[in-house]
Amino acid sequence: MSRVMLPHDAKAGPTKPEVRAVLLSKLDLRASDHFAEVGSCTGAVTIEAARRAGRVTALERKADRLDTTRKNLAENDTEAEVDLRAAEAPDGLPSDADALFLGGSRNYEAVLDFAVEAGVDRVVMNVSRLEVAGAATEAFRDRDLLEEVVQFQVSHGYELAGATSFDSENPVYMLVGGAGDDVAADGGRPARGGRR
């Protein structure tokens, strides 16, 4: 798969490539899936999802960022049918979504309520602020969505005095779960990677 090209700036950083790799692993998107994204911004996740899922619906409440998503999407090869919507979630979210990504924390509780009501199979939320991560974890847990919380940090090497040093990115907290109806034989949710 070719690298994601993001020549147009949204004045907000895209979800970093390493974070997208983990995100895509957790979402386990397939050609039959309808993926929904809240907060498309640069379009980085939208583009990656459109290379895997059959349909993609991306919401962005800021018109300039939605325009950036549209422009960056046009610069990349994708297979899926992509619907870009100017909306503030949960308004505009498709009721038949199989997987949902929350790239920001605005209105996340209402979005999680939507995910439960719609029975969204896979839900992932990225958070960079500790206080929001704690509150969002409780919100996932209160709705019986939480399967796991992953915290990770990526560092990139650079040359310093003839040797390699590292600049670290802000830590990311990734909340992973889903509202699918199927349960494992032991009464819990199937292990990640299994299909519901």
Protein backbone atom coordinates (compact mmCIF):
# COMPACT_ATOMS: atom_id res chain seq x y z
CA MET A 1 0.00 0.00 0.00
CA SER A 2 1.35 3.42 -0.87
CA ARG A 3 2.19 6.03 1.72
CA VAL A 4 -0.52 8.52 2.71
CA MET A 5 0.12 11.90 1.12
CA LEU A 6 -1.07 14.96 3.07
CA PRO A 7 0.04 18.00 1.07
CA HIS A 8 -2.78 20.18 2.40
CA ASP A 9 -2.57 21.55 5.94
CA ALA A 10 -5.51 21.62 8.37
CA LYS A 11 -3.61 23.64 11.00
CA ALA A 12 -3.87 20.62 13.24
CA GLY A 13 -1.56 17.65 13.19
CA PRO A 14 -2.74 14.45 11.57
CA THR A 15 -2.93 11.22 13.49
CA LYS A 16 0.70 10.10 13.25
CA PRO A 17 1.55 7.11 10.98
CA GLU A 18 2.59 4.89 13.90
CA VAL A 19 -0.66 5.66 15.73
CA ARG A 20 -2.65 4.99 12.55
CA ALA A 21 -0.97 1.58 12.25
CA VAL A 22 -2.15 0.57 15.72
CA LEU A 23 -5.57 2.14 15.12
CA LEU A 24 -6.06 0.19 11.89
CA SER A 25 -5.02 -3.03 13.61
CA LYS A 26 -7.64 -2.46 16.33
CA LEU A 27 -10.36 -1.55 13.82
CA ASP A 28 -9.64 -4.65 11.69
CA LEU A 29 -11.39 -3.08 8.67
CA ARG A 30 -12.60 -5.31 5.84
CA ALA A 31 -14.01 -4.64 2.37
CA SER A 32 -17.56 -5.29 3.61
CA ASP A 33 -17.31 -2.71 6.43
CA HIS A 34 -18.85 0.73 6.69
CA PHE A 35 -16.35 2.87 8.63
CA ALA A 36 -17.33 6.15 10.28
CA GLU A 37 -14.92 8.79 11.53
CA VAL A 38 -15.62 11.71 13.83
CA GLY A 39 -13.24 14.62 13.21
CA SER A 40 -11.57 13.92 9.86
CA CYS A 41 -9.25 16.98 10.01
CA THR A 42 -6.40 16.27 7.52
CA GLY A 43 -8.06 13.11 6.23
CA ALA A 44 -5.19 10.81 7.24
CA VAL A 45 -7.44 8.22 8.92
CA THR A 46 -10.15 8.67 6.27
CA ILE A 47 -7.63 7.81 3.55
CA GLU A 48 -6.26 4.77 5.40
CA ALA A 49 -9.81 3.51 6.05
CA ALA A 50 -10.84 4.09 2.43
CA ARG A 51 -8.06 1.70 1.39
CA ARG A 52 -9.55 -1.08 3.51
CA ALA A 53 -13.29 -0.61 4.11
CA GLY A 54 -15.99 -0.72 1.45
CA ARG A 55 -17.65 2.51 2.57
CA VAL A 56 -16.39 5.45 4.62
CA THR A 57 -18.36 8.28 6.19
CA ALA A 58 -16.19 11.05 7.61
CA LEU A 59 -17.59 13.88 9.71
CA GLU A 60 -15.88 17.21 10.33
CA ARG A 61 -17.57 20.18 11.98
CA LYS A 62 -15.11 22.79 10.69
CA ALA A 63 -15.62 23.67 7.01
CA ASP A 64 -11.93 24.46 6.37
CA ARG A 65 -10.84 21.11 7.81
CA LEU A 66 -13.46 19.25 5.78
CA ASP A 67 -12.10 21.00 2.68
CA THR A 68 -8.60 19.84 3.68
CA THR A 69 -9.88 16.28 4.05
CA ARG A 70 -11.44 16.50 0.57
CA LYS A 71 -8.23 17.85 -1.00
CA ASN A 72 -5.95 15.30 0.69
CA LEU A 73 -8.33 12.47 -0.23
CA ALA A 74 -8.06 13.51 -3.89
CA GLU A 75 -4.24 13.21 -3.67
CA ASN A 76 -4.38 9.53 -2.63
CA ASP A 77 -5.48 6.25 -4.19
CA THR A 78 -8.49 4.78 -2.40
CA GLU A 79 -11.03 2.10 -3.26
CA ALA A 80 -13.99 2.88 -1.02
CA GLU A 81 -17.04 5.02 -1.55
CA VAL A 82 -16.33 8.05 0.70
CA ASP A 83 -19.03 10.37 2.03
CA LEU A 84 -17.67 13.58 3.62
CA ARG A 85 -20.18 15.34 5.85
CA ALA A 86 -20.10 18.77 7.45
CA ALA A 87 -21.63 17.86 10.78
CA GLU A 88 -21.04 17.81 14.49
CA ALA A 89 -21.33 14.27 15.78
CA PRO A 90 -23.40 12.43 16.64
CA ASP A 91 -25.46 14.22 13.98
CA GLY A 92 -24.59 12.84 10.56
CA LEU A 93 -23.29 9.46 11.75
CA PRO A 94 -24.55 6.51 9.69
CA SER A 95 -26.78 4.07 11.57
CA ASP A 96 -25.22 1.10 9.73
CA ALA A 97 -21.58 1.75 10.72
CA ASP A 98 -19.54 -1.36 11.53
CA ALA A 99 -16.54 0.55 12.90
CA LEU A 100 -16.23 4.02 14.40
CA PHE A 101 -13.22 6.19 15.20
CA LEU A 102 -13.34 9.26 17.42
CA GLY A 103 -10.34 11.43 16.63
CA GLY A 104 -11.30 14.07 19.16
CA SER A 105 -13.08 14.37 22.46
CA ARG A 106 -15.83 16.86 21.63
CA ASN A 107 -19.29 15.35 22.32
CA TYR A 108 -17.72 11.93 22.83
CA GLU A 109 -20.35 10.80 25.34
CA ALA A 110 -23.16 11.46 22.85
CA VAL A 111 -21.15 9.66 20.15
CA LEU A 112 -20.68 6.67 22.46
CA ASP A 113 -24.42 6.65 23.18
CA PHE A 114 -24.99 6.58 19.41
CA ALA A 115 -22.53 3.66 19.06
CA VAL A 116 -24.44 1.66 21.68
CA GLU A 117 -27.84 2.41 20.14
CA ALA A 118 -26.61 1.59 16.63
CA GLY A 119 -24.72 -1.53 17.77
CA VAL A 120 -21.41 -0.41 16.27
CA ASP A 121 -19.16 -3.45 16.33
CA ARG A 122 -15.79 -1.71 16.78
CA VAL A 123 -15.22 1.65 18.46
CA VAL A 124 -11.82 3.29 18.94
CA MET A 125 -11.06 6.68 20.47
CA ASN A 126 -7.68 8.40 20.62
CA VAL A 127 -6.97 10.81 23.45
CA SER A 128 -3.81 12.78 24.25
CA ARG A 129 -4.88 14.47 27.50
CA LEU A 130 -4.70 12.42 30.70
CA GLU A 131 -7.84 13.86 32.30
CA VAL A 132 -9.90 13.24 29.18
CA ALA A 133 -8.48 9.71 28.92
CA GLY A 134 -9.69 8.94 32.44
CA ALA A 135 -13.16 10.36 31.87
CA ALA A 136 -13.48 8.68 28.46
CA THR A 137 -12.40 5.34 29.92
CA GLU A 138 -15.23 5.62 32.46
CA ALA A 139 -17.66 6.61 29.69
CA PHE A 140 -16.67 3.51 27.67
CA ARG A 141 -16.96 1.34 30.80
CA ASP A 142 -20.35 2.81 31.81
CA ARG A 143 -21.73 1.86 28.37
CA ASP A 144 -20.19 -1.63 28.44
CA LEU A 145 -18.02 -0.74 25.43
CA LEU A 146 -14.54 -1.06 26.92
CA GLU A 147 -12.33 -3.96 25.85
CA GLU A 148 -8.92 -2.39 26.41
CA VAL A 149 -6.96 0.80 26.95
CA VAL A 150 -3.60 1.11 25.23
CA GLN A 151 -1.10 3.84 26.07
CA PHE A 152 1.90 4.31 23.84
CA GLN A 153 4.47 6.87 22.89
CA VAL A 154 6.54 7.09 19.72
CA SER A 155 9.98 8.64 19.48
CA HIS A 156 11.81 9.60 16.30
CA GLY A 157 15.57 9.59 16.03
CA TYR A 158 17.64 12.57 14.91
CA GLU A 159 21.34 13.22 14.63
CA LEU A 160 22.97 14.92 17.61
CA ALA A 161 26.73 15.42 17.79
CA GLY A 162 27.42 12.52 15.44
CA ALA A 163 25.11 10.11 17.29
CA THR A 164 21.38 9.42 17.45
CA SER A 165 19.09 11.02 19.98
CA PHE A 166 15.31 10.92 20.14
CA ASP A 167 12.41 13.40 20.08
CA SER A 168 9.31 11.91 21.62
CA GLU A 169 5.74 12.52 20.50
CA ASN A 170 2.97 13.21 22.98
CA PRO A 171 1.65 9.97 24.52
CA VAL A 172 -1.59 8.61 23.05
CA TYR A 173 -4.29 6.78 24.98
CA MET A 174 -6.32 4.51 22.73
CA LEU A 175 -9.66 3.26 24.01
CA VAL A 176 -10.85 0.16 22.20
CA GLY A 177 -14.19 -1.60 22.37
CA GLY A 178 -17.49 -2.17 20.67
CA ALA A 179 -21.20 -2.63 21.04
CA GLY A 180 -21.61 -5.76 18.91
CA ASP A 181 -24.31 -8.20 19.97
CA ASP A 182 -22.27 -11.40 19.85
CA VAL A 183 -20.57 -12.72 22.95
CA ALA A 184 -17.98 -15.40 23.47
CA ALA A 185 -18.84 -18.76 25.03
CA ASP A 186 -17.65 -17.49 28.42
CA GLY A 187 -20.09 -14.56 28.26
CA GLY A 188 -17.46 -11.97 27.36
CA ARG A 189 -16.69 -10.35 24.04
CA PRO A 190 -14.67 -12.31 21.48
CA ALA A 191 -10.94 -11.62 21.50
CA ARG A 192 -9.81 -8.77 19.24
CA GLY A 193 -9.18 -10.08 15.75
CA GLY A 194 -12.17 -12.40 15.95
CA ARG A 195 -15.34 -11.34 14.20
CA ARG A 196 -18.60 -10.86 15.95
